[in-house]
Amino acid sequence: MAAVIGPLVERGIISYNYDVGNMPNNTNSIPKACCTLDITGFDQKRLLAMFKALGNPVRFEIMKFLVTHPGSITGDIVDFLPIAQATTSQHLAILREAGWIEGIIEGPAVNYRLNEEAIHWFRSIINRNF
C-alpha cells in the first residue's frame, strides 16, 4: 500500500498527514456509549413498525398533511397527493397499523387524524433513550 500511496503523495495528488506508526494497534476498540436503547419485546416491535411506516416518502407526506388537516377523509388526501385512491388507502392502513393515525367513522366516510397517544408514546421512548 505504501508503494501506491508514496508516489501520489510525492506528486501532490493526495496529502498524507499522519504517522501510521502512531496509530493504535487495537482495531477492536469500541467508543464509549453516548446513550442507551433499553427497549425489547412489544415496545421494540412497536417502535420499529412506527419507524418503518414513516420511512416511506408518501406516508411521510400523508402524516404532514394530517398535521395541518386533521379529520380528513381519504378523498382529501387523494386530492392532495398524486396517487390513486387504492394506493392512498394502503398507505393509510400501514400508518394506522403502526399506530400513527386513527380513523373515526362518520357516516359513510372515515376521518383520519393523528393518534395522540401513540405520538406521546413515541416521543417518550425517543426522549428516554436518546
C-alpha atoms as a PDB file:
ATOM      1  CA  MET A   1       0.000   0.000   0.000  1.00  0.00           C
ATOM      2  CA  ALA A   2       2.852   2.373   0.773  1.00  0.00           C
ATOM      3  CA  ALA A   3       4.154   1.728  -2.754  1.00  0.00           C
ATOM      4  CA  VAL A   4       0.874   3.053  -4.138  1.00  0.00           C
ATOM      5  CA  ILE A   5       0.377   5.981  -1.744  1.00  0.00           C
ATOM      6  CA  GLY A   6       4.006   7.190  -1.733  1.00  0.00           C
ATOM      7  CA  PRO A   7       4.121   8.337  -5.400  1.00  0.00           C
ATOM      8  CA  LEU A   8       0.714  10.017  -5.083  1.00  0.00           C
ATOM      9  CA  VAL A   9       1.930  11.989  -2.071  1.00  0.00           C
ATOM     10  CA  GLU A  10       5.184  12.897  -3.803  1.00  0.00           C
ATOM     11  CA  ARG A  11       3.346  14.291  -6.829  1.00  0.00           C
ATOM     12  CA  GLY A  12       0.937  16.245  -4.597  1.00  0.00           C
ATOM     13  CA  ILE A  13      -2.125  14.297  -5.722  1.00  0.00           C
ATOM     14  CA  ILE A  14      -3.049  13.374  -2.139  1.00  0.00           C
ATOM     15  CA  SER A  15      -1.819  14.559   1.224  1.00  0.00           C
ATOM     16  CA  TYR A  16      -0.737  12.163   3.883  1.00  0.00           C
ATOM     17  CA  ASN A  17      -0.531  13.996   7.185  1.00  0.00           C
ATOM     18  CA  TYR A  18      -0.455  11.321   9.853  1.00  0.00           C
ATOM     19  CA  ASP A  19       2.122   8.833  11.022  1.00  0.00           C
ATOM     20  CA  VAL A  20       0.787   5.312  10.643  1.00  0.00           C
ATOM     21  CA  GLY A  21       3.320   4.141  13.233  1.00  0.00           C
ATOM     22  CA  ASN A  22       1.489   6.093  15.939  1.00  0.00           C
ATOM     23  CA  MET A  23      -1.969   4.655  15.237  1.00  0.00           C
ATOM     24  CA  PRO A  24      -3.410   2.330  17.900  1.00  0.00           C
ATOM     25  CA  ASN A  25      -2.899  -1.361  17.221  1.00  0.00           C
ATOM     26  CA  ASN A  26      -6.225  -2.330  18.776  1.00  0.00           C
ATOM     27  CA  THR A  27      -8.668  -2.163  15.873  1.00  0.00           C
ATOM     28  CA  ASN A  28     -11.395  -3.622  18.081  1.00  0.00           C
ATOM     29  CA  SER A  29     -11.601  -0.643  20.437  1.00  0.00           C
ATOM     30  CA  ILE A  30     -15.189   0.477  20.816  1.00  0.00           C
ATOM     31  CA  PRO A  31     -16.044   4.087  21.643  1.00  0.00           C
ATOM     32  CA  LYS A  32     -17.950   4.791  24.866  1.00  0.00           C
ATOM     33  CA  ALA A  33     -21.706   4.715  24.541  1.00  0.00           C
ATOM     34  CA  CYS A  34     -23.407   8.087  24.289  1.00  0.00           C
ATOM     35  CA  CYS A  35     -26.882   6.816  25.104  1.00  0.00           C
ATOM     36  CA  THR A  36     -28.886   3.666  25.659  1.00  0.00           C
ATOM     37  CA  LEU A  37     -31.579   1.901  23.770  1.00  0.00           C
ATOM     38  CA  ASP A  38     -33.247  -0.007  26.560  1.00  0.00           C
ATOM     39  CA  ILE A  39     -36.188  -1.416  24.663  1.00  0.00           C
ATOM     40  CA  THR A  40     -37.277  -5.000  23.993  1.00  0.00           C
ATOM     41  CA  GLY A  41     -40.294  -7.123  23.216  1.00  0.00           C
ATOM     42  CA  PHE A  42     -43.560  -5.463  22.264  1.00  0.00           C
ATOM     43  CA  ASP A  43     -42.231  -1.926  22.687  1.00  0.00           C
ATOM     44  CA  GLN A  44     -39.344  -2.668  20.328  1.00  0.00           C
ATOM     45  CA  LYS A  45     -41.693  -4.138  17.713  1.00  0.00           C
ATOM     46  CA  ARG A  46     -43.979  -1.131  18.044  1.00  0.00           C
ATOM     47  CA  LEU A  47     -41.112   1.340  17.679  1.00  0.00           C
ATOM     48  CA  LEU A  48     -39.731  -0.491  14.644  1.00  0.00           C
ATOM     49  CA  ALA A  49     -43.163  -0.532  12.990  1.00  0.00           C
ATOM     50  CA  MET A  50     -43.540   3.203  13.581  1.00  0.00           C
ATOM     51  CA  PHE A  51     -40.117   3.982  12.121  1.00  0.00           C
ATOM     52  CA  LYS A  52     -40.743   1.692   9.152  1.00  0.00           C
ATOM     53  CA  ALA A  53     -44.090   3.323   8.422  1.00  0.00           C
ATOM     54  CA  LEU A  54     -42.513   6.785   8.355  1.00  0.00           C
ATOM     55  CA  GLY A  55     -39.671   5.559   6.152  1.00  0.00           C
ATOM     56  CA  ASN A  56     -41.853   5.760   3.058  1.00  0.00           C
ATOM     57  CA  PRO A  57     -41.947   9.261   1.491  1.00  0.00           C
ATOM     58  CA  VAL A  58     -45.644   9.024   0.575  1.00  0.00           C
ATOM     59  CA  ARG A  59     -46.629   8.045   4.108  1.00  0.00           C
ATOM     60  CA  PHE A  60     -44.486  10.837   5.477  1.00  0.00           C
ATOM     61  CA  GLU A  61     -46.361  13.296   3.227  1.00  0.00           C
ATOM     62  CA  ILE A  62     -49.664  11.881   4.466  1.00  0.00           C
ATOM     63  CA  MET A  63     -48.534  12.484   8.054  1.00  0.00           C
ATOM     64  CA  LYS A  64     -47.539  16.054   7.210  1.00  0.00           C
ATOM     65  CA  PHE A  65     -50.948  16.587   5.597  1.00  0.00           C
ATOM     66  CA  LEU A  66     -52.812  15.220   8.617  1.00  0.00           C
ATOM     67  CA  VAL A  67     -50.882  17.510  10.971  1.00  0.00           C
ATOM     68  CA  THR A  68     -52.414  20.505   9.221  1.00  0.00           C
ATOM     69  CA  HIS A  69     -55.675  18.861   8.103  1.00  0.00           C
ATOM     70  CA  PRO A  70     -56.962  16.648  10.933  1.00  0.00           C
ATOM     71  CA  GLY A  71     -60.233  14.907  10.230  1.00  0.00           C
ATOM     72  CA  SER A  72     -59.505  14.490   6.516  1.00  0.00           C
ATOM     73  CA  ILE A  73     -61.107  11.679   4.571  1.00  0.00           C
ATOM     74  CA  THR A  74     -59.297   9.513   2.025  1.00  0.00           C
ATOM     75  CA  GLY A  75     -60.601  11.688  -0.827  1.00  0.00           C
ATOM     76  CA  ASP A  76     -58.988  14.795   0.709  1.00  0.00           C
ATOM     77  CA  ILE A  77     -55.644  13.022   0.833  1.00  0.00           C
ATOM     78  CA  VAL A  78     -56.048  11.711  -2.737  1.00  0.00           C
ATOM     79  CA  ASP A  79     -56.706  15.281  -3.901  1.00  0.00           C
ATOM     80  CA  PHE A  80     -53.512  16.391  -2.156  1.00  0.00           C
ATOM     81  CA  LEU A  81     -51.211  13.595  -3.339  1.00  0.00           C
ATOM     82  CA  PRO A  82     -50.685  12.458  -6.923  1.00  0.00           C
ATOM     83  CA  ILE A  83     -51.539   8.817  -6.195  1.00  0.00           C
ATOM     84  CA  ALA A  84     -54.589   6.631  -6.706  1.00  0.00           C
ATOM     85  CA  GLN A  85     -57.280   6.165  -4.065  1.00  0.00           C
ATOM     86  CA  ALA A  86     -56.441   2.477  -3.628  1.00  0.00           C
ATOM     87  CA  THR A  87     -52.762   3.277  -3.055  1.00  0.00           C
ATOM     88  CA  THR A  88     -53.677   6.007  -0.585  1.00  0.00           C
ATOM     89  CA  SER A  89     -55.879   3.556   1.301  1.00  0.00           C
ATOM     90  CA  GLN A  90     -52.993   1.063   1.514  1.00  0.00           C
ATOM     91  CA  HIS A  91     -50.686   3.747   2.925  1.00  0.00           C
ATOM     92  CA  LEU A  92     -53.344   4.827   5.427  1.00  0.00           C
ATOM     93  CA  ALA A  93     -53.740   1.210   6.558  1.00  0.00           C
ATOM     94  CA  ILE A  94     -49.996   0.918   7.198  1.00  0.00           C
ATOM     95  CA  LEU A  95     -49.961   4.189   9.178  1.00  0.00           C
ATOM     96  CA  ARG A  96     -52.986   3.013  11.160  1.00  0.00           C
ATOM     97  CA  GLU A  97     -51.431  -0.413  11.883  1.00  0.00           C
ATOM     98  CA  ALA A  98     -48.213   1.276  13.014  1.00  0.00           C
ATOM     99  CA  GLY A  99     -50.261   3.449  15.358  1.00  0.00           C
ATOM    100  CA  TRP A 100     -49.523   6.849  13.822  1.00  0.00           C
ATOM    101  CA  ILE A 101     -53.114   7.606  12.842  1.00  0.00           C
ATOM    102  CA  GLU A 102     -56.627   6.619  13.772  1.00  0.00           C
ATOM    103  CA  GLY A 103     -59.804   6.646  11.763  1.00  0.00           C
ATOM    104  CA  ILE A 104     -63.126   7.863  13.104  1.00  0.00           C
ATOM    105  CA  ILE A 105     -66.141   6.569  11.200  1.00  0.00           C
ATOM    106  CA  GLU A 106     -68.666   9.300  10.461  1.00  0.00           C
ATOM    107  CA  GLY A 107     -71.434   8.128   8.195  1.00  0.00           C
ATOM    108  CA  PRO A 108     -70.026   6.631   5.007  1.00  0.00           C
ATOM    109  CA  ALA A 109     -66.588   8.235   5.477  1.00  0.00           C
ATOM    110  CA  VAL A 110     -63.596   7.669   7.749  1.00  0.00           C
ATOM    111  CA  ASN A 111     -61.989  10.800   9.139  1.00  0.00           C
ATOM    112  CA  TYR A 112     -58.277  10.367   9.766  1.00  0.00           C
ATOM    113  CA  ARG A 113     -56.269  12.150  12.409  1.00  0.00           C
ATOM    114  CA  LEU A 114     -53.018  11.668  14.271  1.00  0.00           C
ATOM    115  CA  ASN A 115     -53.127   9.224  17.166  1.00  0.00           C
ATOM    116  CA  GLU A 116     -52.062  11.497  20.031  1.00  0.00           C
ATOM    117  CA  GLU A 117     -51.492   8.611  22.462  1.00  0.00           C
ATOM    118  CA  ALA A 118     -49.120   6.866  20.038  1.00  0.00           C
ATOM    119  CA  ILE A 119     -47.251  10.084  19.294  1.00  0.00           C
ATOM    120  CA  HIS A 120     -46.865  10.717  23.028  1.00  0.00           C
ATOM    121  CA  TRP A 121     -45.547   7.158  23.480  1.00  0.00           C
ATOM    122  CA  PHE A 122     -43.117   7.571  20.568  1.00  0.00           C
ATOM    123  CA  ARG A 123     -41.770  10.841  21.981  1.00  0.00           C
ATOM    124  CA  SER A 124     -41.319   9.340  25.442  1.00  0.00           C
ATOM    125  CA  ILE A 125     -39.349   6.375  24.048  1.00  0.00           C
ATOM    126  CA  ILE A 126     -37.119   8.659  21.972  1.00  0.00           C
ATOM    127  CA  ASN A 127     -36.568  11.087  24.868  1.00  0.00           C
ATOM    128  CA  ARG A 128     -35.811   8.254  27.305  1.00  0.00           C
ATOM    129  CA  ASN A 129     -33.319   6.523  25.047  1.00  0.00           C
ATOM    130  CA  PHE A 130     -31.608   9.340  23.201  1.00  0.00           C
END
